């Protein structure tokens, strides 16, 4: 069980951030989808970000993904400036 009061607060929302379980670095969309499905079945939260790395063999760039598994789903606050 996670103690909500022991979590670190998000600087932008002031809400406690979900506890990080693990970080995975993935090189294909298929791997990403597999991890997302597993996290969904286990009821875990995720945070996904993508980035590019130089692909020396092809002479260009290749997409990579960082997947953070969290104890619960992170809360996304919508902007109220509209």
Protein backbone atom coordinates (compact mmCIF):
# COMPACT_ATOMS: atom_id res chain seq x y z
CA UNK A 1 0.00 0.00 0.00
CA UNK A 2 1.23 3.47 -0.85
CA UNK A 3 0.95 6.29 1.65
CA UNK A 4 -0.39 9.31 -0.26
CA UNK A 5 1.19 11.76 2.17
CA UNK A 6 4.67 10.34 1.54
CA UNK A 7 4.51 11.06 -2.20
CA UNK A 8 6.29 13.95 -3.85
CA UNK A 9 4.00 16.73 -5.06
CA UNK A 10 3.91 17.68 -8.74
CA UNK A 11 5.20 21.25 -9.12
CA UNK A 12 2.58 22.20 -11.69
CA UNK A 13 -0.57 20.76 -10.08
CA UNK A 14 0.35 20.47 -6.40
CA UNK A 15 -1.09 16.93 -6.45
CA UNK A 16 0.93 13.94 -5.20
CA UNK A 17 2.72 12.14 -8.05
CA UNK A 18 2.15 8.39 -8.42
CA UNK A 19 4.95 6.17 -7.14
CA UNK A 20 7.33 4.96 -9.87
CA UNK A 21 7.71 1.17 -10.10
CA UNK A 22 10.06 0.81 -13.09
CA UNK A 23 11.25 2.50 -16.27
CA UNK A 24 11.51 0.58 -19.55
CA UNK A 25 13.30 1.75 -22.69
CA UNK A 26 11.71 0.24 -25.79
CA UNK A 27 12.79 0.20 -29.42
CA UNK A 28 9.60 -0.85 -31.23
CA UNK A 29 5.93 0.08 -31.21
CA UNK A 30 5.04 -3.60 -30.78
CA UNK A 31 7.02 -3.74 -27.52
CA UNK A 32 5.35 -0.54 -26.35
CA UNK A 33 1.85 -1.86 -27.07
CA UNK A 34 2.65 -5.14 -25.28
CA UNK A 35 3.83 -3.26 -22.17
CA UNK A 36 0.78 -0.96 -22.25
CA UNK A 37 -1.61 -3.93 -22.42
CA UNK A 38 0.15 -5.64 -19.51
CA UNK A 39 0.02 -2.47 -17.40
CA UNK A 40 -3.69 -2.10 -18.18
CA UNK A 41 -4.43 -5.68 -17.11
CA UNK A 42 -2.53 -5.12 -13.86
CA UNK A 43 -4.28 -1.80 -13.19
CA UNK A 44 -1.04 0.19 -13.24
CA UNK A 45 -0.54 3.72 -14.46
CA UNK A 46 1.90 4.61 -17.22
CA UNK A 47 3.71 7.63 -18.52
CA UNK A 48 5.11 7.36 -22.07
CA UNK A 49 7.54 9.63 -23.87
CA UNK A 50 9.27 9.25 -27.21
CA UNK A 51 12.65 10.38 -28.44
CA UNK A 52 14.95 9.96 -31.44
CA UNK A 53 18.38 8.31 -31.50
CA UNK A 54 20.94 8.35 -34.31
CA UNK A 55 20.74 5.17 -36.39
CA UNK A 56 24.30 4.73 -37.68
CA UNK A 57 23.40 1.77 -39.91
CA UNK A 58 20.65 3.59 -41.81
CA UNK A 59 22.28 7.02 -41.57
CA UNK A 60 19.19 8.64 -40.03
CA UNK A 61 17.23 8.53 -36.84
CA UNK A 62 15.19 5.84 -35.10
CA UNK A 63 12.27 6.31 -32.72
CA UNK A 64 12.53 5.01 -29.15
CA UNK A 65 10.06 5.05 -26.25
CA UNK A 66 10.44 5.45 -22.49
CA UNK A 67 7.66 3.81 -20.49
CA UNK A 68 7.35 4.49 -16.76
CA UNK A 69 5.18 2.08 -14.77
CA UNK A 70 3.38 3.81 -11.90
CA UNK A 71 1.38 2.57 -8.91
CA UNK A 72 -1.63 4.55 -10.14
CA UNK A 73 -2.62 6.62 -13.13
CA UNK A 74 -1.13 10.13 -13.23
CA UNK A 75 -3.71 12.92 -13.20
CA UNK A 76 -3.67 15.24 -16.20
CA UNK A 77 -5.16 18.68 -15.51
CA UNK A 78 -6.76 20.41 -18.50
CA UNK A 79 -5.91 24.06 -19.05
CA UNK A 80 -8.77 26.31 -17.98
CA UNK A 81 -7.54 29.26 -20.07
CA UNK A 82 -10.05 28.65 -22.86
